[in-house]
Protein backbone atom coordinates (compact mmCIF):
# COMPACT_ATOMS: atom_id res chain seq x y z
CA MET A 1 84.21 114.58 125.77
CA THR A 2 85.34 111.04 126.45
CA ASN A 3 88.43 109.46 124.95
CA LYS A 4 87.75 105.91 126.05
CA ALA A 5 88.79 103.10 123.79
CA LYS A 6 85.98 100.81 122.70
CA VAL A 7 86.15 97.27 124.02
CA ARG A 8 85.12 94.51 121.67
CA VAL A 9 83.66 91.40 123.22
CA ILE A 10 84.54 88.15 121.48
CA LYS A 11 82.42 85.16 122.29
CA LYS A 12 83.87 81.66 122.42
CA ASN A 13 81.54 80.51 119.64
CA ASP A 14 82.91 83.17 117.29
CA ILE A 15 86.46 81.93 117.81
CA ALA A 16 85.64 78.28 117.15
CA VAL A 17 83.71 79.01 113.94
CA LYS A 18 86.57 80.78 112.17
CA ASN A 19 88.67 78.51 109.99
CA LYS A 20 92.26 78.35 111.02
CA PRO A 21 94.67 78.79 108.11
CA ALA A 22 96.46 75.64 107.12
CA PRO A 23 99.99 75.59 108.49
CA ALA A 24 102.58 76.43 105.89
CA GLU A 25 104.66 73.56 104.62
CA THR A 26 107.74 73.58 106.73
CA LYS A 27 110.91 72.02 105.50
CA SER A 28 113.67 70.86 107.72
CA LYS A 29 116.78 72.99 107.78
CA ARG A 30 118.69 70.28 105.97
CA GLU A 31 116.15 70.10 103.11
CA ALA A 32 116.08 73.88 102.78
CA ALA A 33 119.87 74.01 102.65
CA ARG A 34 119.96 71.25 100.00
CA GLU A 35 117.47 73.14 97.87
CA MET A 36 119.49 76.37 98.12
CA VAL A 37 122.73 74.59 97.23
CA SER A 38 121.05 72.92 94.28
CA THR A 39 119.68 76.23 93.01
CA VAL A 40 123.00 78.04 93.30
CA SER A 41 124.86 75.14 91.69
CA THR A 42 122.46 75.28 88.74
CA TRP A 43 123.05 79.02 88.39
CA VAL A 44 126.83 78.55 88.45
CA ASN A 45 126.71 75.76 85.86
CA ASP A 46 124.50 77.84 83.56
CA PHE A 47 126.81 80.83 83.91
CA GLN A 48 129.92 78.75 83.20
CA SER A 49 128.40 77.08 80.14
CA ARG A 50 127.33 80.45 78.74
CA LYS A 51 130.82 81.85 79.25
CA ARG A 52 132.36 78.81 77.54
CA ASP A 53 130.04 79.16 74.55
CA GLU A 54 130.75 82.89 74.25
CA THR A 55 134.50 82.32 74.50
CA LYS A 56 134.41 79.55 71.90
CA ILE A 57 132.53 81.77 69.44
CA ALA A 58 134.93 84.66 70.05
CA PHE A 59 137.99 82.46 69.35
CA GLU A 60 136.40 81.02 66.23
CA GLN A 61 135.73 84.51 64.91
CA LEU A 62 139.17 85.75 65.87
CA PHE A 63 141.09 82.91 64.25
CA ALA A 64 138.80 82.30 61.30
CA GLN A 65 140.55 81.85 57.97
CA HIS A 66 139.86 85.10 56.20
CA PRO A 67 141.99 85.97 53.20
CA GLN A 68 144.06 89.05 53.81
CA PRO A 69 143.75 91.85 51.24
CA SER A 70 147.45 91.54 50.35
CA GLU A 71 147.14 87.76 49.77
CA SER A 72 144.42 87.96 47.12
């Protein structure tokens, strides 16, 4: 029994015919960092505005003018 690995022969023509994948769009480190900062800043602003809205609603409900049962 032989345990030899099979050798595959690749001809030069076969290599040239295959389409090379297009290189991925590479961004400079500075552009990538700007994009990340912009994304995180947007998240923070959204979070802060949501918290403000929720807090405003809570205060309005807490201090709403409701007649007390003893005042009626």
